[in-house]
Amino acid sequence: MRDTPTGPNNKLLAYSSIILIVLGIIGLALEGSLIVGFATMGVGTFVPAVQRAGLPSDTMTITVALSSSAAAGLLNAGLQLWAGRSGLRLRKGIGTTERCQTLGIVLAGLAAITWLTDRITPGALGTLDFAGLVLSIAVPIAYYAAARREERDDFWEGIKEQTAVAPVARIATCVNDRFVLDEATGALRPAREGERASVEFLSLDEYERRENDSAVARHLAHSARSIHHCTASTFEDSVYGSLLIPREDLLASEMPFDNDVALAFNLERDHLELVSDDADAASFVSYYLENQTLVKHSTATVLFELCDLVVHDDTTFLIDVEDRLDHLEDNMSEDVNEIPQDFTDFVMRTRSDLRVLESFYRQLSDVADSVATSPARVTSEQTSELFHVLSSRTDRLASDARNLRDYALQIRSMYQGKIDVRQNKVMTVLTIVSTIFMPLTLLTSWYGMNFEYMPELHNHYSYYAVIAVAVAVATAEIVWFKRKRWF
């Protein structure tokens, strides 16, 4: 239960609760004035109004009518005050939503009853018009809806991700396309004029103009035009391939990108080319430059840090997903009777995101393996070990994502199973009750026939005999059902 109110539905609960309290106070004042008038002026004061309505005007009828009207009004006002107080307490995390929902339903029905009793004794309470009836019913309905929404919000508390403000990337106003490794700091920085670039970020047109018609250039240009997955291949003295970083992973790493990032790469011993026409890829490279932390002495290390950046915090994200699924499982109780709203959508969306992440992790693991074991010798022994570590980590992430996908499906199956069991219990109880009363229905129907000659009807003890037979039949059925373990 939340300690502080959040969202518009809590405001609806607060407003409807306050209105109910106001209506309850007004109702108590009206009923109090009626009781005082009845006690001080007597029954005769109400006789003209009752006669105008065409009702019997004897003292007993008027007394019963006024008492019923006052009792219904007092009960309605008292429940309105109770419901209002319960709603305000619920917003503070005190009380239960079930109580508020029950009070809302009762008040909606009682408002109609109160209105009818007032119509029976016009003038006694001050006749309520149709608008008053609508208001008396609409407010409890709104109160019920707000309490029910509060229950759903409580169910999803700590499960659904809250909309968070994405971290703002410090992206350069223009993307440099030539970089060098600073020997002093081991960081990648923009190349100065005359310096030979170690890392270059190129558009596809720039890459095709610069490169000769080699097999690597043709393959890389072809893959860069349409990147659908992560892959890496070796040819001669280079490792080339593509990276497709899904938005699900970027969001998991809290990076400020709303779309997939796609780029191709060509890694040589002392040179790395990144090729893409995607604007998000250019922003991603700038984001990487602003967030690099590893001391690098080779271009292969740059590619490693680029890949490691997108999965570095994914373990924390998967742990958070597991915690939310655990919370979802903990919310299952014995009295669950329906799948909560948005439950299926939440599970399917979670499974879909995890499936995308699992596929990306496995592909990235293959890329890291290909770079680490490439016969082109584009990496040193130390850098190859880094790629082996990256491959092992992404394999574990893929396995964790797969397990969480299965866990989410198991939770949905458990929910459905609990609902099925509960519904079967309800149907069993209803069936037993119906079966018990079937013979009694036959008995009453039999003696409800209007035949002139039914001798037992004139017997002095027939009424008691029928009661005894009905009790005996019901008892025998209950004993039989119990021995059969039907309940």
Protein backbone atom coordinates (compact mmCIF):
# COMPACT_ATOMS: atom_id res chain seq x y z
CA MET A 1 0.00 0.00 0.00
CA ARG A 2 1.39 3.37 -0.93
CA ASP A 3 2.17 5.88 1.79
CA THR A 4 1.66 8.89 -0.47
CA PRO A 5 -0.97 9.46 -3.14
CA THR A 6 0.09 9.58 -6.77
CA GLY A 7 -1.75 10.14 -10.00
CA PRO A 8 -5.17 11.47 -10.99
CA ASN A 9 -7.07 8.43 -9.74
CA ASN A 10 -6.02 9.17 -6.18
CA LYS A 11 -7.42 12.66 -6.67
CA LEU A 12 -10.69 11.15 -7.88
CA LEU A 13 -10.82 9.03 -4.73
CA ALA A 14 -10.14 12.11 -2.60
CA TYR A 15 -12.77 14.25 -4.34
CA SER A 16 -15.45 11.55 -4.24
CA SER A 17 -14.67 10.87 -0.56
CA ILE A 18 -15.03 14.56 0.33
CA ILE A 19 -18.32 14.81 -1.59
CA LEU A 20 -19.63 11.73 0.24
CA ILE A 21 -18.75 13.30 3.58
CA VAL A 22 -20.56 16.50 2.59
CA LEU A 23 -23.62 14.53 1.42
CA GLY A 24 -23.55 12.52 4.66
CA ILE A 25 -23.52 15.67 6.79
CA ILE A 26 -26.40 17.14 4.78
CA GLY A 27 -28.31 13.87 5.07
CA LEU A 28 -27.85 13.76 8.83
CA ALA A 29 -29.10 17.34 9.11
CA LEU A 30 -32.22 16.59 7.04
CA GLU A 31 -33.02 13.40 8.89
CA GLY A 32 -32.42 15.13 12.20
CA SER A 33 -34.88 17.90 11.28
CA LEU A 34 -37.45 15.26 10.29
CA ILE A 35 -37.09 13.41 13.58
CA VAL A 36 -37.29 16.66 15.56
CA GLY A 37 -40.39 17.74 13.63
CA PHE A 38 -42.03 14.36 14.14
CA ALA A 39 -41.28 14.44 17.86
CA THR A 40 -42.42 18.03 18.47
CA MET A 41 -45.37 18.44 16.09
CA GLY A 42 -46.69 14.89 16.05
CA VAL A 43 -48.12 12.74 13.27
CA GLY A 44 -50.90 15.17 12.36
CA THR A 45 -48.50 17.57 10.73
CA PHE A 46 -47.75 15.06 7.95
CA VAL A 47 -51.37 13.96 7.31
CA PRO A 48 -52.10 16.51 4.52
CA ALA A 49 -49.01 15.55 2.55
CA VAL A 50 -49.81 11.85 2.87
CA GLN A 51 -53.42 12.41 1.80
CA ARG A 52 -52.28 14.36 -1.28
CA ALA A 53 -50.18 11.35 -2.24
CA GLY A 54 -53.28 9.11 -2.01
CA LEU A 55 -51.84 6.99 0.78
CA PRO A 56 -53.65 5.78 3.91
CA SER A 57 -53.58 8.54 6.50
CA ASP A 58 -54.00 6.51 9.65
CA THR A 59 -51.50 6.99 12.42
CA MET A 60 -49.86 3.58 12.08
CA THR A 61 -49.23 3.92 8.32
CA ILE A 62 -47.77 7.40 8.69
CA THR A 63 -45.57 6.33 11.59
CA VAL A 64 -44.23 3.31 9.70
CA ALA A 65 -43.64 5.34 6.53
CA LEU A 66 -41.83 8.14 8.35
CA SER A 67 -39.77 5.72 10.43
CA SER A 68 -38.74 3.76 7.33
CA SER A 69 -37.81 6.92 5.47
CA ALA A 70 -35.81 8.28 8.42
CA ALA A 71 -34.06 4.94 8.98
CA ALA A 72 -33.06 4.65 5.32
CA GLY A 73 -31.85 8.25 5.28
CA LEU A 74 -29.83 7.86 8.48
CA LEU A 75 -28.30 4.61 7.24
CA ASN A 76 -27.41 6.21 3.91
CA ALA A 77 -25.87 9.28 5.59
CA GLY A 78 -23.92 7.14 8.03
CA LEU A 79 -22.51 4.95 5.26
CA GLN A 80 -21.60 8.06 3.26
CA LEU A 81 -19.59 9.39 6.18
CA TRP A 82 -17.94 6.00 6.71
CA ALA A 83 -17.12 5.65 3.02
CA GLY A 84 -15.68 9.17 2.85
CA ARG A 85 -13.49 8.59 5.87
CA SER A 86 -12.35 5.19 4.52
CA GLY A 87 -11.45 6.74 1.16
CA LEU A 88 -9.34 9.48 2.73
CA ARG A 89 -7.61 6.95 4.98
CA LEU A 90 -6.94 4.72 1.97
CA ARG A 91 -5.06 7.54 0.26
CA LYS A 92 -2.74 7.58 3.28
CA GLY A 93 -2.12 3.85 3.00
CA ILE A 94 -4.55 2.87 5.77
CA GLY A 95 -7.41 0.46 5.19
CA THR A 96 -8.30 -1.82 2.30
CA THR A 97 -9.61 -1.20 -1.20
CA GLU A 98 -12.12 -4.06 -0.78
CA ARG A 99 -13.95 -2.13 1.95
CA CYS A 100 -14.17 1.00 -0.20
CA GLN A 101 -15.43 -0.98 -3.20
CA THR A 102 -18.10 -2.66 -1.07
CA LEU A 103 -19.22 0.66 0.39
CA GLY A 104 -19.44 2.17 -3.08
CA ILE A 105 -21.72 -0.63 -4.31
CA VAL A 106 -23.91 -0.50 -1.18
CA LEU A 107 -24.26 3.29 -1.36
CA ALA A 108 -25.27 3.21 -5.04
CA GLY A 109 -28.12 0.79 -4.25
CA LEU A 110 -29.08 2.48 -0.99
CA ALA A 111 -29.36 5.86 -2.74
CA ALA A 112 -32.13 4.47 -4.94
CA ILE A 113 -33.89 2.94 -1.91
CA THR A 114 -33.69 6.21 0.00
CA TRP A 115 -35.05 8.10 -2.99
CA LEU A 116 -38.00 5.66 -3.26
CA THR A 117 -38.86 5.90 0.43
CA ASP A 118 -38.80 9.66 0.11
CA ARG A 119 -41.20 9.47 -2.82
CA ILE A 120 -43.58 7.32 -0.77
CA THR A 121 -43.83 10.09 1.82
CA PRO A 122 -43.67 13.27 -0.28
CA GLY A 123 -43.21 16.42 1.67
CA ALA A 124 -41.94 14.59 4.74
CA LEU A 125 -38.27 14.84 3.88
CA GLY A 126 -38.34 17.34 1.06
CA THR A 127 -38.74 15.58 -2.26
CA LEU A 128 -35.52 14.75 -4.06
CA ASP A 129 -35.55 15.55 -7.75
CA PHE A 130 -34.09 13.36 -10.48
CA ALA A 131 -30.80 15.29 -10.51
CA GLY A 132 -30.38 14.58 -6.82
CA LEU A 133 -30.91 10.87 -7.47
CA VAL A 134 -28.33 10.87 -10.25
CA LEU A 135 -25.84 12.65 -8.00
CA SER A 136 -26.49 10.25 -5.13
CA ILE A 137 -25.77 7.28 -7.40
CA ALA A 138 -22.99 8.80 -9.53
CA VAL A 139 -20.76 9.76 -6.60
CA PRO A 140 -20.66 6.23 -5.08
CA ILE A 141 -20.00 4.79 -8.54
CA ALA A 142 -17.09 7.20 -9.06
CA TYR A 143 -15.90 6.32 -5.54
CA TYR A 144 -16.06 2.60 -6.38
CA ALA A 145 -14.18 3.11 -9.67
CA ALA A 146 -11.45 5.11 -7.91
CA ALA A 147 -11.08 2.45 -5.20
CA ARG A 148 -10.87 -0.29 -7.82
CA ARG A 149 -8.22 1.64 -9.72
CA GLU A 150 -6.36 2.13 -6.44
CA GLU A 151 -6.35 -1.64 -6.03
CA ARG A 152 -4.88 -2.11 -9.51
CA ASP A 153 -2.25 0.55 -8.83
CA ASP A 154 -1.31 -1.18 -5.60
CA PHE A 155 -0.95 -4.45 -7.48
CA TRP A 156 1.46 -2.91 -9.99
CA GLU A 157 3.38 -0.95 -7.34
CA GLY A 158 7.07 -1.73 -7.74
CA ILE A 159 6.46 -3.90 -10.81
CA LYS A 160 5.88 -1.66 -13.78
CA GLU A 161 8.75 0.63 -14.56
CA GLN A 162 8.11 4.25 -13.75
CA THR A 163 8.63 6.69 -16.58
CA ALA A 164 12.06 8.08 -15.92
CA VAL A 165 13.90 10.97 -17.48
CA ALA A 166 16.64 9.55 -19.67
CA PRO A 167 20.14 10.80 -18.95
CA VAL A 168 21.12 13.61 -21.25
CA ALA A 169 24.08 12.70 -23.42
CA ARG A 170 26.72 15.31 -23.96
CA ILE A 171 26.63 15.01 -27.73
CA ALA A 172 28.87 17.24 -29.79
CA THR A 173 27.25 19.78 -32.08
CA CYS A 174 29.13 18.23 -35.00
CA VAL A 175 30.60 14.76 -35.15
CA ASN A 176 34.31 14.51 -35.83
CA ASP A 177 35.21 11.75 -38.24
CA ARG A 178 38.91 11.27 -37.38
CA PHE A 179 40.31 10.25 -34.00
CA VAL A 180 43.65 9.22 -32.52
CA LEU A 181 44.68 7.41 -29.36
CA ASP A 182 46.42 9.78 -26.98
CA GLU A 183 49.60 8.06 -25.86
CA ALA A 184 49.67 9.96 -22.56
CA THR A 185 46.09 9.32 -21.39
CA GLY A 186 45.11 6.28 -23.45
CA ALA A 187 41.89 8.05 -24.47
CA LEU A 188 40.44 8.56 -27.90
CA ARG A 189 40.45 12.19 -29.01
CA PRO A 190 39.82 14.12 -32.25
CA ALA A 191 42.81 14.04 -34.59
CA ARG A 192 44.69 17.23 -35.23
CA GLU A 193 45.67 18.38 -38.66
CA GLY A 194 48.47 16.25 -40.00
CA GLU A 195 47.97 13.40 -37.51
CA ARG A 196 47.31 9.93 -38.84
CA ALA A 197 43.87 8.81 -37.61
CA SER A 198 43.58 5.57 -35.68
CA VAL A 199 39.77 5.52 -35.69
CA GLU A 200 37.52 7.00 -38.36
CA PHE A 201 33.75 7.43 -38.50
CA LEU A 202 32.59 7.59 -42.10
CA SER A 203 29.38 7.77 -44.01
CA LEU A 204 28.78 5.02 -46.53
CA ASP A 205 29.47 7.33 -49.48
CA GLU A 206 32.73 8.52 -47.92
CA TYR A 207 33.83 4.94 -47.29
CA GLU A 208 33.07 3.83 -50.83
CA ARG A 209 34.95 6.81 -52.31
CA ARG A 210 38.02 6.19 -50.18
CA GLU A 211 38.34 2.44 -50.33
CA ASN A 212 39.55 0.47 -53.32
CA ASP A 213 37.49 -2.28 -54.84
CA SER A 214 38.60 -4.95 -52.38
CA ALA A 215 36.52 -7.86 -51.16
CA VAL A 216 36.36 -6.40 -47.65
CA ALA A 217 35.19 -3.02 -48.98
CA ARG A 218 32.47 -4.64 -51.10
CA HIS A 219 31.22 -6.80 -48.24
CA LEU A 220 31.32 -3.96 -45.74
CA ALA A 221 29.53 -1.54 -48.06
CA HIS A 222 26.87 -4.13 -48.79
CA SER A 223 26.24 -4.91 -45.10
CA ALA A 224 26.28 -1.23 -44.10
CA ARG A 225 23.35 -0.51 -46.43
CA SER A 226 21.03 -2.80 -44.49
CA ILE A 227 22.08 -3.93 -41.01
CA HIS A 228 19.74 -6.44 -39.36
CA HIS A 229 21.98 -8.12 -36.79
CA CYS A 230 25.45 -8.25 -35.25
CA THR A 231 28.04 -10.22 -37.16
CA ALA A 232 31.81 -10.41 -37.73
CA SER A 233 33.96 -12.05 -40.40
CA THR A 234 37.68 -12.33 -41.10
CA PHE A 235 39.38 -11.68 -44.41
CA GLU A 236 43.13 -11.40 -44.86
CA ASP A 237 44.42 -8.93 -42.25
CA SER A 238 41.12 -7.43 -41.05
CA VAL A 239 37.96 -8.29 -39.14
CA TYR A 240 34.85 -6.62 -40.50
CA GLY A 241 31.18 -6.83 -39.65
CA SER A 242 28.19 -4.93 -38.30
CA LEU A 243 26.62 -3.98 -34.97
CA LEU A 244 22.89 -3.51 -34.47
CA ILE A 245 22.27 -2.28 -30.94
CA PRO A 246 18.52 -2.58 -30.20
CA ARG A 247 16.68 0.22 -28.44
CA GLU A 248 15.74 -2.23 -25.67
CA ASP A 249 19.41 -2.57 -24.75
CA LEU A 250 20.03 1.16 -25.03
CA LEU A 251 17.12 1.80 -22.66
CA ALA A 252 18.37 -0.94 -20.33
CA SER A 253 21.72 0.86 -20.20
CA GLU A 254 19.90 4.19 -19.67
CA MET A 255 21.34 5.70 -22.83
CA PRO A 256 19.48 8.65 -24.37
CA PHE A 257 18.48 6.94 -27.61
CA ASP A 258 14.98 5.97 -28.69
CA ASN A 259 15.91 4.03 -31.84
CA ASP A 260 18.19 1.16 -32.79
CA VAL A 261 21.79 2.09 -33.50
CA ALA A 262 23.31 0.44 -36.58
CA LEU A 263 26.88 0.70 -37.81
CA ALA A 264 29.45 -1.36 -39.69
CA PHE A 265 33.11 -1.71 -38.71
CA ASN A 266 36.40 -2.75 -40.24
CA LEU A 267 39.14 -3.54 -37.71
CA GLU A 268 42.79 -3.78 -38.68
CA ARG A 269 45.87 -4.01 -36.51
CA ASP A 270 46.33 -0.25 -36.15
CA HIS A 271 43.18 1.16 -37.74
CA LEU A 272 39.42 1.02 -37.08
CA GLU A 273 36.75 2.26 -39.46
CA LEU A 274 33.14 2.81 -38.32
CA VAL A 275 30.68 3.21 -41.20
CA SER A 276 27.05 4.33 -40.97
CA ASP A 277 24.58 6.77 -42.49
CA ASP A 278 22.45 6.58 -39.34
CA ALA A 279 22.22 9.85 -37.40
CA ASP A 280 21.76 7.88 -34.17
CA ALA A 281 25.04 6.07 -34.88
CA ALA A 282 26.86 9.42 -35.10
CA SER A 283 25.30 10.49 -31.79
CA PHE A 284 26.23 7.14 -30.28
CA VAL A 285 29.89 7.59 -31.25
CA SER A 286 29.87 11.06 -29.68
CA TYR A 287 28.23 9.62 -26.56
CA TYR A 288 30.96 6.99 -26.40
CA LEU A 289 33.68 9.64 -26.70
CA GLU A 290 32.20 11.52 -23.75
CA ASN A 291 31.87 8.38 -21.60
CA GLN A 292 35.07 6.40 -22.35
CA THR A 293 36.91 5.21 -19.25
CA LEU A 294 39.28 2.46 -20.38
CA VAL A 295 42.95 3.20 -21.05
CA LYS A 296 43.45 2.10 -24.65
CA HIS A 297 46.63 1.32 -26.54
CA SER A 298 45.17 -0.26 -29.67
CA THR A 299 42.22 0.18 -32.01
CA ALA A 300 40.90 -3.24 -31.01
CA THR A 301 40.54 -1.95 -27.47
CA VAL A 302 38.39 0.89 -28.83
CA LEU A 303 36.04 -1.64 -30.44
CA PHE A 304 35.96 -3.61 -27.20
CA GLU A 305 35.06 -0.58 -25.11
CA LEU A 306 32.42 0.43 -27.66
CA CYS A 307 30.75 -3.00 -27.33
CA ASP A 308 31.26 -3.15 -23.58
CA LEU A 309 29.59 0.24 -23.13
CA VAL A 310 26.18 -1.07 -24.23
CA VAL A 311 26.17 -4.14 -21.94
CA HIS A 312 28.17 -2.86 -18.98
CA ASP A 313 25.11 -2.20 -16.76
CA ASP A 314 22.76 -4.81 -18.21
CA THR A 315 23.24 -7.17 -15.29
CA THR A 316 21.71 -4.54 -13.02
CA PHE A 317 18.82 -4.13 -15.44
CA LEU A 318 18.13 -7.89 -15.55
CA ILE A 319 18.27 -8.05 -11.74
CA ASP A 320 15.67 -5.27 -11.66
CA VAL A 321 13.47 -7.23 -14.08
CA GLU A 322 13.81 -10.31 -11.88
CA ASP A 323 12.84 -8.30 -8.78
CA ARG A 324 9.74 -6.98 -10.54
CA LEU A 325 8.77 -10.50 -11.61
CA ASP A 326 9.33 -11.73 -8.04
CA HIS A 327 7.06 -8.94 -6.79
CA LEU A 328 4.48 -9.96 -9.36
CA GLU A 329 4.59 -13.54 -8.11
CA ASP A 330 4.36 -12.40 -4.48
CA ASN A 331 1.15 -10.53 -5.34
CA MET A 332 -0.58 -13.79 -6.09
CA SER A 333 -2.91 -14.72 -3.24
CA GLU A 334 -5.45 -17.40 -2.53
CA ASP A 335 -8.37 -15.08 -3.26
CA VAL A 336 -7.22 -14.04 -6.74
CA ASN A 337 -10.27 -14.34 -8.99
CA GLU A 338 -9.22 -12.53 -12.14
CA ILE A 339 -6.12 -11.71 -14.12
CA PRO A 340 -5.30 -8.08 -13.30
CA GLN A 341 -5.77 -5.49 -15.99
CA ASP A 342 -2.74 -5.14 -18.31
CA PHE A 343 -1.25 -8.34 -16.82
CA THR A 344 -1.03 -10.21 -20.11
CA ASP A 345 0.27 -7.14 -21.96
CA PHE A 346 2.91 -6.63 -19.29
CA VAL A 347 4.09 -10.25 -19.43
CA MET A 348 4.13 -10.35 -23.24
CA ARG A 349 5.95 -7.02 -23.48
CA THR A 350 8.51 -8.15 -20.91
CA ARG A 351 9.05 -11.43 -22.77
CA SER A 352 9.37 -9.59 -26.07
CA ASP A 353 12.00 -7.20 -24.68
CA LEU A 354 13.92 -10.09 -23.13
CA ARG A 355 13.80 -12.01 -26.40
CA VAL A 356 15.34 -9.04 -28.24
CA LEU A 357 18.01 -8.70 -25.57
CA GLU A 358 18.79 -12.41 -25.60
CA SER A 359 19.25 -12.38 -29.37
CA PHE A 360 21.48 -9.31 -29.17
CA TYR A 361 23.63 -10.82 -26.41
CA ARG A 362 24.21 -14.01 -28.37
CA GLN A 363 25.10 -12.10 -31.53
CA LEU A 364 27.47 -9.82 -29.64
CA SER A 365 29.08 -12.87 -28.04
CA ASP A 366 29.75 -14.29 -31.51
CA VAL A 367 31.26 -10.98 -32.61
CA ALA A 368 33.57 -10.91 -29.57
CA ASP A 369 34.61 -14.52 -30.20
CA SER A 370 35.31 -13.79 -33.85
CA VAL A 371 37.54 -10.83 -32.99
CA ALA A 372 39.36 -12.69 -30.20
CA THR A 373 40.09 -15.80 -32.27
CA SER A 374 40.59 -14.16 -35.65
CA PRO A 375 43.57 -15.51 -37.63
CA ALA A 376 44.12 -11.96 -38.88
CA ARG A 377 45.87 -11.19 -35.58
CA VAL A 378 44.22 -7.79 -35.23
CA THR A 379 44.43 -7.96 -31.43
CA SER A 380 47.17 -8.48 -28.92
CA GLU A 381 47.03 -11.34 -26.44
CA GLN A 382 45.84 -8.97 -23.71
CA THR A 383 43.11 -7.48 -25.91
CA SER A 384 42.00 -10.95 -27.04
CA GLU A 385 41.48 -11.83 -23.38
CA LEU A 386 39.23 -8.77 -23.04
CA PHE A 387 37.09 -9.99 -25.94
CA HIS A 388 36.93 -13.46 -24.38
CA VAL A 389 35.68 -11.86 -21.16
CA LEU A 390 33.10 -9.88 -23.15
CA SER A 391 31.96 -13.05 -24.90
CA SER A 392 31.56 -14.90 -21.60
CA ARG A 393 29.67 -12.00 -20.04
CA THR A 394 27.23 -11.67 -22.94
CA ASP A 395 26.68 -15.43 -22.89
CA ARG A 396 25.69 -15.19 -19.24
CA LEU A 397 23.43 -12.22 -20.00
CA ALA A 398 21.76 -14.21 -22.78
CA SER A 399 21.22 -17.13 -20.41
CA ASP A 400 19.78 -14.82 -17.74
CA ALA A 401 17.45 -13.20 -20.28
CA ARG A 402 16.27 -16.63 -21.41
CA ASN A 403 15.59 -17.72 -17.83
CA LEU A 404 13.64 -14.54 -17.14
CA ARG A 405 11.54 -15.11 -20.27
CA ASP A 406 10.62 -18.56 -18.99
CA TYR A 407 9.97 -17.17 -15.50
CA ALA A 408 7.56 -14.57 -16.86
CA LEU A 409 5.62 -17.25 -18.72
CA GLN A 410 5.53 -19.46 -15.61
CA ILE A 411 4.07 -16.59 -13.56
CA ARG A 412 1.30 -16.13 -16.10
CA SER A 413 0.57 -19.86 -16.04
CA MET A 414 0.50 -19.80 -12.23
CA TYR A 415 -1.98 -16.92 -12.27
CA GLN A 416 -4.21 -18.71 -14.73
CA GLY A 417 -3.96 -21.91 -12.71
CA LYS A 418 -4.99 -20.16 -9.47
CA ILE A 419 -7.93 -18.52 -11.21
CA ASP A 420 -9.04 -21.85 -12.68
CA VAL A 421 -8.83 -23.54 -9.27
CA ARG A 422 -10.82 -20.77 -7.60
CA GLN A 423 -13.47 -20.77 -10.31
CA ASN A 424 -13.76 -24.55 -10.03
CA LYS A 425 -14.29 -24.22 -6.27
CA VAL A 426 -16.99 -21.61 -6.83
CA MET A 427 -18.73 -23.78 -9.41
CA THR A 428 -18.52 -26.77 -7.08
CA VAL A 429 -20.23 -24.83 -4.27
CA LEU A 430 -22.94 -23.53 -6.60
CA THR A 431 -23.52 -27.00 -8.02
CA ILE A 432 -23.83 -28.56 -4.56
CA VAL A 433 -26.23 -25.86 -3.38
CA SER A 434 -28.33 -26.24 -6.54
CA THR A 435 -28.35 -30.03 -6.17
CA ILE A 436 -29.45 -29.81 -2.53
CA PHE A 437 -32.40 -27.59 -3.42
CA MET A 438 -33.55 -29.52 -6.51
CA PRO A 439 -35.56 -32.13 -4.52
CA LEU A 440 -36.95 -29.36 -2.31
CA THR A 441 -38.01 -27.46 -5.44
CA LEU A 442 -39.77 -30.59 -6.69
CA LEU A 443 -41.49 -30.99 -3.33
CA THR A 444 -42.76 -27.41 -3.23
CA SER A 445 -43.80 -27.51 -6.88
CA TRP A 446 -45.74 -30.71 -6.29
CA TYR A 447 -47.78 -29.26 -3.47
CA GLY A 448 -48.10 -25.95 -5.27
CA MET A 449 -50.45 -27.55 -7.82
CA ASN A 450 -54.01 -26.28 -7.53
CA PHE A 451 -55.85 -29.61 -7.61
CA GLU A 452 -59.05 -29.76 -5.63
CA TYR A 453 -58.47 -33.24 -4.24
CA MET A 454 -55.12 -33.55 -2.46
CA PRO A 455 -55.99 -35.42 0.74
CA GLU A 456 -52.76 -34.67 2.62
CA LEU A 457 -53.38 -30.95 2.35
CA HIS A 458 -56.26 -31.24 4.78
CA ASN A 459 -54.29 -33.22 7.32
CA HIS A 460 -53.53 -31.28 10.51
CA TYR A 461 -49.85 -32.30 10.49
CA SER A 462 -49.16 -32.04 6.76
CA TYR A 463 -47.27 -28.73 7.04
CA TYR A 464 -44.90 -30.10 9.66
CA ALA A 465 -44.50 -33.36 7.76
CA VAL A 466 -43.41 -31.51 4.61
CA ILE A 467 -40.86 -29.52 6.65
CA ALA A 468 -39.53 -32.75 8.17
CA VAL A 469 -39.23 -34.40 4.75
CA ALA A 470 -37.43 -31.37 3.31
CA VAL A 471 -34.93 -31.28 6.21
CA ALA A 472 -34.38 -35.06 5.96
CA VAL A 473 -33.74 -34.90 2.21
CA ALA A 474 -31.32 -31.96 2.53
CA THR A 475 -29.46 -33.67 5.40
CA ALA A 476 -29.20 -36.94 3.49
CA GLU A 477 -27.79 -35.14 0.46
CA ILE A 478 -25.20 -33.27 2.52
CA VAL A 479 -24.09 -36.51 4.21
CA TRP A 480 -23.86 -38.24 0.84
CA PHE A 481 -21.81 -35.42 -0.72
CA LYS A 482 -19.50 -35.37 2.29
CA ARG A 483 -18.86 -39.11 2.09
CA LYS A 484 -18.07 -38.71 -1.59
CA ARG A 485 -15.64 -35.89 -0.67
CA TRP A 486 -17.33 -33.49 -3.05
CA PHE A 487 -16.64 -30.68 -0.61
